[in-house]
Amino acid sequence: MLFPGDDDVASPDVSWSYTGFSMFRKWLAQAEGFTLTEMNGFGGERQWRSVSTTLAPLLNHPDDDGPELTPTQCAAMLPRLEAILDQRQSDDSDPVIRRRIEDVRQLITVLRFCVDKDVELIFG
């Protein structure tokens, strides 16, 4: 689950199973032009410094632990996630793509909330 660090249970959140979160991040990495399983920490040896994406803080993060993401990191990811959403909305005939589009929408909502409230994004 990804949620704002504002201690309010009514704040927006987005959640996946471990498998679902893995599939979502693999899909995002593919949209960024690389394969997540080739990356250090995900079974491969490719170093993260070899890829250029504002989504790296989300993609290269432990599933449910590790450092929280700052509001600045959240703000930096928003334009790219919005661009992915815009690019993929026409692919919504595929149920898997529809699910990923909805995941991106929910994540954007949570990230915007973190930016607006100036709170960290928590992985829990």
N, C-alpha and C. Protein backbone atom coordinates (compact mmCIF):
# COMPACT_ATOMS: atom_id res chain seq x y z
N MET A 1 0.84 -1.17 0.00
CA MET A 1 0.00 0.00 0.00
C MET A 1 0.90 1.24 0.00
N LEU A 2 0.55 2.21 -0.82
CA LEU A 2 1.22 3.51 -0.83
C LEU A 2 0.22 4.53 -0.33
N PHE A 3 0.63 5.32 0.64
CA PHE A 3 -0.29 6.27 1.24
C PHE A 3 0.45 7.49 1.76
N PRO A 4 -0.25 8.62 1.89
CA PRO A 4 0.37 9.84 2.40
C PRO A 4 0.70 9.71 3.88
N GLY A 5 1.79 10.33 4.28
CA GLY A 5 2.21 10.31 5.67
C GLY A 5 1.55 11.40 6.49
N ASP A 6 0.24 11.53 6.37
CA ASP A 6 -0.47 12.58 7.10
C ASP A 6 -1.25 12.06 8.30
N ASP A 7 -1.14 10.78 8.59
CA ASP A 7 -1.82 10.15 9.73
C ASP A 7 -3.34 10.25 9.67
N ASP A 8 -3.89 10.39 8.46
CA ASP A 8 -5.34 10.46 8.29
C ASP A 8 -5.79 9.25 7.48
N VAL A 9 -6.55 8.36 8.11
CA VAL A 9 -6.98 7.13 7.44
C VAL A 9 -7.93 7.41 6.28
N ALA A 10 -8.48 8.62 6.21
CA ALA A 10 -9.39 8.96 5.12
C ALA A 10 -8.66 9.48 3.88
N SER A 11 -7.34 9.65 3.97
CA SER A 11 -6.56 10.12 2.82
C SER A 11 -6.56 9.05 1.73
N PRO A 12 -6.36 9.47 0.48
CA PRO A 12 -6.34 8.47 -0.59
C PRO A 12 -5.13 7.54 -0.46
N ASP A 13 -5.28 6.34 -0.96
CA ASP A 13 -4.17 5.39 -1.00
C ASP A 13 -4.33 4.52 -2.22
N VAL A 14 -3.31 3.77 -2.51
CA VAL A 14 -3.36 2.80 -3.60
C VAL A 14 -2.68 1.54 -3.10
N SER A 15 -3.28 0.38 -3.40
CA SER A 15 -2.70 -0.85 -2.88
C SER A 15 -2.76 -1.95 -3.93
N TRP A 16 -1.80 -2.84 -3.80
CA TRP A 16 -1.67 -4.01 -4.66
C TRP A 16 -1.24 -5.18 -3.78
N SER A 17 -1.41 -6.37 -4.30
CA SER A 17 -0.73 -7.51 -3.72
C SER A 17 0.75 -7.36 -4.10
N TYR A 18 1.63 -8.14 -3.50
CA TYR A 18 3.04 -8.08 -3.89
C TYR A 18 3.19 -8.38 -5.38
N THR A 19 2.47 -9.38 -5.85
CA THR A 19 2.53 -9.74 -7.27
C THR A 19 1.99 -8.61 -8.13
N GLY A 20 0.89 -8.03 -7.72
CA GLY A 20 0.29 -6.93 -8.48
C GLY A 20 1.20 -5.72 -8.55
N PHE A 21 1.87 -5.40 -7.44
CA PHE A 21 2.79 -4.26 -7.43
C PHE A 21 3.99 -4.55 -8.33
N SER A 22 4.46 -5.77 -8.31
CA SER A 22 5.57 -6.17 -9.18
C SER A 22 5.16 -6.02 -10.65
N MET A 23 3.99 -6.49 -10.99
CA MET A 23 3.51 -6.39 -12.37
C MET A 23 3.34 -4.93 -12.79
N PHE A 24 2.83 -4.11 -11.89
CA PHE A 24 2.66 -2.69 -12.18
C PHE A 24 4.00 -2.02 -12.44
N ARG A 25 4.98 -2.29 -11.59
CA ARG A 25 6.29 -1.67 -11.77
C ARG A 25 6.98 -2.19 -13.03
N LYS A 26 6.81 -3.46 -13.36
CA LYS A 26 7.37 -3.98 -14.61
C LYS A 26 6.76 -3.26 -15.81
N TRP A 27 5.48 -3.02 -15.75
CA TRP A 27 4.77 -2.31 -16.82
C TRP A 27 5.28 -0.88 -16.94
N LEU A 28 5.45 -0.21 -15.80
CA LEU A 28 5.99 1.17 -15.84
C LEU A 28 7.41 1.19 -16.39
N ALA A 29 8.23 0.26 -15.96
CA ALA A 29 9.61 0.20 -16.47
C ALA A 29 9.60 -0.01 -17.98
N GLN A 30 8.73 -0.87 -18.46
CA GLN A 30 8.63 -1.10 -19.90
C GLN A 30 8.23 0.20 -20.61
N ALA A 31 7.31 0.95 -20.02
CA ALA A 31 6.91 2.24 -20.60
C ALA A 31 8.08 3.21 -20.62
N GLU A 32 9.03 3.02 -19.71
CA GLU A 32 10.22 3.87 -19.64
C GLU A 32 11.36 3.35 -20.52
N GLY A 33 11.14 2.20 -21.15
CA GLY A 33 12.11 1.71 -22.11
C GLY A 33 13.14 0.73 -21.58
N PHE A 34 12.90 0.14 -20.42
CA PHE A 34 13.82 -0.87 -19.91
C PHE A 34 13.04 -1.99 -19.24
N THR A 35 13.73 -3.08 -18.99
CA THR A 35 13.13 -4.25 -18.36
C THR A 35 13.54 -4.30 -16.89
N LEU A 36 12.57 -4.27 -16.01
CA LEU A 36 12.84 -4.21 -14.58
C LEU A 36 13.67 -5.40 -14.10
N THR A 37 13.41 -6.58 -14.64
CA THR A 37 14.13 -7.77 -14.18
C THR A 37 15.61 -7.75 -14.57
N GLU A 38 16.02 -6.85 -15.44
CA GLU A 38 17.43 -6.71 -15.78
C GLU A 38 18.17 -5.80 -14.79
N MET A 39 17.41 -5.14 -13.91
CA MET A 39 17.98 -4.15 -13.02
C MET A 39 18.52 -4.77 -11.73
N ASN A 40 19.58 -4.16 -11.21
CA ASN A 40 20.15 -4.54 -9.93
C ASN A 40 19.05 -4.45 -8.87
N GLY A 41 18.90 -5.49 -8.10
CA GLY A 41 17.86 -5.53 -7.07
C GLY A 41 16.61 -6.25 -7.53
N PHE A 42 16.53 -6.52 -8.83
CA PHE A 42 15.35 -7.20 -9.39
C PHE A 42 15.76 -8.43 -10.19
N GLY A 43 16.95 -8.95 -9.90
CA GLY A 43 17.41 -10.17 -10.55
C GLY A 43 18.48 -9.95 -11.59
N GLY A 44 18.69 -8.72 -11.99
CA GLY A 44 19.69 -8.44 -13.02
C GLY A 44 20.89 -7.71 -12.46
N GLU A 45 21.76 -7.31 -13.34
CA GLU A 45 22.99 -6.64 -12.93
C GLU A 45 23.08 -5.20 -13.42
N ARG A 46 22.12 -4.77 -14.24
CA ARG A 46 22.16 -3.41 -14.77
C ARG A 46 22.00 -2.41 -13.63
N GLN A 47 22.85 -1.42 -13.61
CA GLN A 47 22.83 -0.41 -12.55
C GLN A 47 21.76 0.65 -12.83
N TRP A 48 21.15 1.15 -11.78
CA TRP A 48 20.10 2.15 -11.91
C TRP A 48 20.60 3.45 -12.53
N ARG A 49 21.84 3.76 -12.33
CA ARG A 49 22.37 5.00 -12.90
C ARG A 49 22.40 4.95 -14.43
N SER A 50 22.21 3.75 -15.01
CA SER A 50 22.21 3.60 -16.46
C SER A 50 20.86 3.94 -17.10
N VAL A 51 19.84 4.18 -16.28
CA VAL A 51 18.53 4.56 -16.82
C VAL A 51 18.20 5.97 -16.34
N SER A 52 17.49 6.68 -17.17
CA SER A 52 17.09 8.04 -16.84
C SER A 52 15.57 8.10 -16.81
N THR A 53 15.02 8.13 -15.62
CA THR A 53 13.57 8.24 -15.45
C THR A 53 13.25 8.90 -14.12
N THR A 54 12.29 9.77 -14.13
CA THR A 54 11.84 10.39 -12.88
C THR A 54 11.09 9.39 -12.02
N LEU A 55 10.77 8.22 -12.58
CA LEU A 55 10.06 7.18 -11.82
C LEU A 55 10.98 6.28 -11.02
N ALA A 56 12.30 6.49 -11.12
CA ALA A 56 13.26 5.64 -10.41
C ALA A 56 12.98 5.52 -8.91
N PRO A 57 12.60 6.59 -8.20
CA PRO A 57 12.33 6.42 -6.77
C PRO A 57 11.21 5.41 -6.47
N LEU A 58 10.25 5.30 -7.37
CA LEU A 58 9.17 4.33 -7.22
C LEU A 58 9.59 2.95 -7.69
N LEU A 59 10.28 2.90 -8.81
CA LEU A 59 10.65 1.62 -9.40
C LEU A 59 11.76 0.92 -8.62
N ASN A 60 12.71 1.67 -8.12
CA ASN A 60 13.84 1.10 -7.38
C ASN A 60 13.62 1.31 -5.88
N HIS A 61 12.58 0.72 -5.37
CA HIS A 61 12.21 0.88 -3.96
C HIS A 61 11.75 -0.47 -3.43
N PRO A 62 12.09 -0.81 -2.18
CA PRO A 62 11.54 -2.04 -1.59
C PRO A 62 10.01 -2.02 -1.62
N ASP A 63 9.42 -3.18 -1.67
CA ASP A 63 7.97 -3.28 -1.80
C ASP A 63 7.20 -2.59 -0.68
N ASP A 64 7.62 -2.78 0.56
CA ASP A 64 6.81 -2.26 1.67
C ASP A 64 7.66 -1.73 2.81
N ASP A 65 8.82 -1.25 2.51
CA ASP A 65 9.72 -0.74 3.53
C ASP A 65 10.62 0.28 2.87
N GLY A 66 11.63 0.69 3.56
CA GLY A 66 12.59 1.61 2.97
C GLY A 66 12.20 3.05 3.21
N PRO A 67 12.94 3.94 2.62
CA PRO A 67 12.69 5.36 2.86
C PRO A 67 11.39 5.82 2.20
N GLU A 68 10.73 6.73 2.87
CA GLU A 68 9.55 7.33 2.28
C GLU A 68 9.99 8.23 1.13
N LEU A 69 9.09 8.50 0.20
CA LEU A 69 9.39 9.42 -0.88
C LEU A 69 8.95 10.82 -0.47
N THR A 70 9.79 11.78 -0.75
CA THR A 70 9.52 13.16 -0.36
C THR A 70 8.46 13.78 -1.27
N PRO A 71 7.84 14.85 -0.82
CA PRO A 71 6.90 15.56 -1.70
C PRO A 71 7.58 16.01 -3.01
N THR A 72 8.85 16.38 -2.94
CA THR A 72 9.57 16.78 -4.15
C THR A 72 9.71 15.62 -5.11
N GLN A 73 10.02 14.42 -4.61
CA GLN A 73 10.09 13.24 -5.47
C GLN A 73 8.73 12.92 -6.07
N CYS A 74 7.69 13.05 -5.26
CA CYS A 74 6.33 12.82 -5.75
C CYS A 74 5.99 13.79 -6.87
N ALA A 75 6.31 15.06 -6.68
CA ALA A 75 6.03 16.07 -7.70
C ALA A 75 6.80 15.78 -8.98
N ALA A 76 8.02 15.31 -8.86
CA ALA A 76 8.84 15.03 -10.04
C ALA A 76 8.27 13.87 -10.86
N MET A 77 7.60 12.92 -10.21
CA MET A 77 7.06 11.77 -10.91
C MET A 77 5.73 12.06 -11.62
N LEU A 78 5.00 13.05 -11.13
CA LEU A 78 3.66 13.31 -11.65
C LEU A 78 3.62 13.56 -13.16
N PRO A 79 4.44 14.44 -13.71
CA PRO A 79 4.34 14.68 -15.17
C PRO A 79 4.54 13.42 -16.01
N ARG A 80 5.48 12.57 -15.62
CA ARG A 80 5.72 11.36 -16.40
C ARG A 80 4.56 10.39 -16.28
N LEU A 81 4.02 10.23 -15.07
CA LEU A 81 2.86 9.35 -14.90
C LEU A 81 1.66 9.87 -15.68
N GLU A 82 1.46 11.18 -15.69
CA GLU A 82 0.36 11.76 -16.46
C GLU A 82 0.56 11.53 -17.95
N ALA A 83 1.81 11.63 -18.42
CA ALA A 83 2.11 11.38 -19.83
C ALA A 83 1.84 9.91 -20.19
N ILE A 84 2.24 9.00 -19.31
CA ILE A 84 1.96 7.57 -19.55
C ILE A 84 0.46 7.34 -19.61
N LEU A 85 -0.26 7.96 -18.70
CA LEU A 85 -1.72 7.83 -18.69
C LEU A 85 -2.31 8.34 -20.00
N ASP A 86 -1.88 9.49 -20.46
CA ASP A 86 -2.38 10.05 -21.71
C ASP A 86 -2.07 9.14 -22.89
N GLN A 87 -0.87 8.57 -22.92
CA GLN A 87 -0.46 7.70 -24.02
C GLN A 87 -1.25 6.39 -24.05
N ARG A 88 -1.57 5.87 -22.91
CA ARG A 88 -2.14 4.52 -22.82
C ARG A 88 -3.66 4.47 -22.79
N GLN A 89 -4.32 5.60 -22.60
CA GLN A 89 -5.78 5.57 -22.47
C GLN A 89 -6.46 5.02 -23.71
N SER A 90 -5.85 5.16 -24.87
CA SER A 90 -6.45 4.64 -26.09
C SER A 90 -6.33 3.12 -26.18
N ASP A 91 -5.50 2.50 -25.31
CA ASP A 91 -5.31 1.05 -25.30
C ASP A 91 -6.26 0.35 -24.34
N ASP A 92 -7.33 1.01 -23.94
CA ASP A 92 -8.13 0.48 -22.84
C ASP A 92 -9.05 -0.68 -23.21
N SER A 93 -8.91 -1.24 -24.42
CA SER A 93 -9.71 -2.41 -24.77
C SER A 93 -9.16 -3.68 -24.11
N ASP A 94 -7.90 -3.66 -23.73
CA ASP A 94 -7.25 -4.79 -23.06
C ASP A 94 -7.49 -4.67 -21.56
N PRO A 95 -8.06 -5.70 -20.91
CA PRO A 95 -8.35 -5.61 -19.48
C PRO A 95 -7.11 -5.38 -18.61
N VAL A 96 -5.96 -5.91 -19.01
CA VAL A 96 -4.74 -5.69 -18.24
C VAL A 96 -4.32 -4.23 -18.34
N ILE A 97 -4.40 -3.67 -19.53
CA ILE A 97 -4.06 -2.25 -19.72
C ILE A 97 -5.05 -1.38 -18.95
N ARG A 98 -6.33 -1.74 -18.99
CA ARG A 98 -7.32 -0.97 -18.21
C ARG A 98 -6.96 -0.95 -16.74
N ARG A 99 -6.52 -2.09 -16.21
CA ARG A 99 -6.11 -2.17 -14.80
C ARG A 99 -4.90 -1.28 -14.54
N ARG A 100 -3.91 -1.31 -15.41
CA ARG A 100 -2.71 -0.48 -15.24
C ARG A 100 -3.07 1.00 -15.32
N ILE A 101 -3.97 1.36 -16.23
CA ILE A 101 -4.42 2.75 -16.35
C ILE A 101 -5.08 3.20 -15.04
N GLU A 102 -5.92 2.34 -14.49
CA GLU A 102 -6.57 2.68 -13.21
C GLU A 102 -5.54 2.78 -12.09
N ASP A 103 -4.55 1.90 -12.08
CA ASP A 103 -3.47 1.98 -11.09
C ASP A 103 -2.75 3.31 -11.19
N VAL A 104 -2.43 3.73 -12.41
CA VAL A 104 -1.74 5.02 -12.60
C VAL A 104 -2.62 6.15 -12.12
N ARG A 105 -3.91 6.11 -12.44
CA ARG A 105 -4.83 7.17 -11.97
C ARG A 105 -4.82 7.27 -10.44
N GLN A 106 -4.92 6.12 -9.78
CA GLN A 106 -4.94 6.13 -8.32
C GLN A 106 -3.62 6.63 -7.75
N LEU A 107 -2.52 6.20 -8.35
CA LEU A 107 -1.21 6.66 -7.88
C LEU A 107 -1.06 8.16 -8.06
N ILE A 108 -1.51 8.68 -9.18
CA ILE A 108 -1.46 10.14 -9.41
C ILE A 108 -2.24 10.87 -8.32
N THR A 109 -3.41 10.36 -7.99
CA THR A 109 -4.23 10.99 -6.93
C THR A 109 -3.46 11.04 -5.61
N VAL A 110 -2.83 9.93 -5.25
CA VAL A 110 -2.07 9.87 -4.00
C VAL A 110 -0.87 10.81 -4.05
N LEU A 111 -0.14 10.80 -5.16
CA LEU A 111 1.03 11.67 -5.27
C LEU A 111 0.64 13.14 -5.21
N ARG A 112 -0.43 13.51 -5.89
CA ARG A 112 -0.90 14.91 -5.85
C ARG A 112 -1.25 15.31 -4.41
N PHE A 113 -1.90 14.40 -3.70
CA PHE A 113 -2.25 14.66 -2.31
C PHE A 113 -0.99 14.91 -1.49
N CYS A 114 0.02 14.07 -1.67
CA CYS A 114 1.28 14.24 -0.94
C CYS A 114 1.92 15.59 -1.24
N VAL A 115 1.90 15.98 -2.50
CA VAL A 115 2.48 17.27 -2.90
C VAL A 115 1.67 18.41 -2.29
N ASP A 116 0.34 18.35 -2.43
CA ASP A 116 -0.52 19.43 -1.93
C ASP A 116 -0.44 19.59 -0.42
N LYS A 117 -0.33 18.48 0.30
CA LYS A 117 -0.28 18.52 1.77
C LYS A 117 1.15 18.59 2.31
N ASP A 118 2.14 18.51 1.38
CA ASP A 118 3.56 18.53 1.74
C ASP A 118 3.89 17.43 2.75
N VAL A 119 3.47 16.21 2.41
CA VAL A 119 3.76 15.04 3.24
C VAL A 119 4.44 13.97 2.40
N GLU A 120 5.13 13.06 3.05
CA GLU A 120 5.84 11.98 2.37
C GLU A 120 4.88 10.90 1.91
N LEU A 121 5.34 10.13 0.89
CA LEU A 121 4.63 8.95 0.44
C LEU A 121 5.21 7.77 1.19
N ILE A 122 4.35 7.01 1.86
CA ILE A 122 4.77 5.89 2.69
C ILE A 122 4.50 4.59 1.94
N PHE A 123 5.47 3.68 2.02
CA PHE A 123 5.31 2.32 1.50
C PHE A 123 5.01 1.43 2.71
N GLY A 124 3.85 0.82 2.73
CA GLY A 124 3.51 0.00 3.89
C GLY A 124 2.74 -1.22 3.54
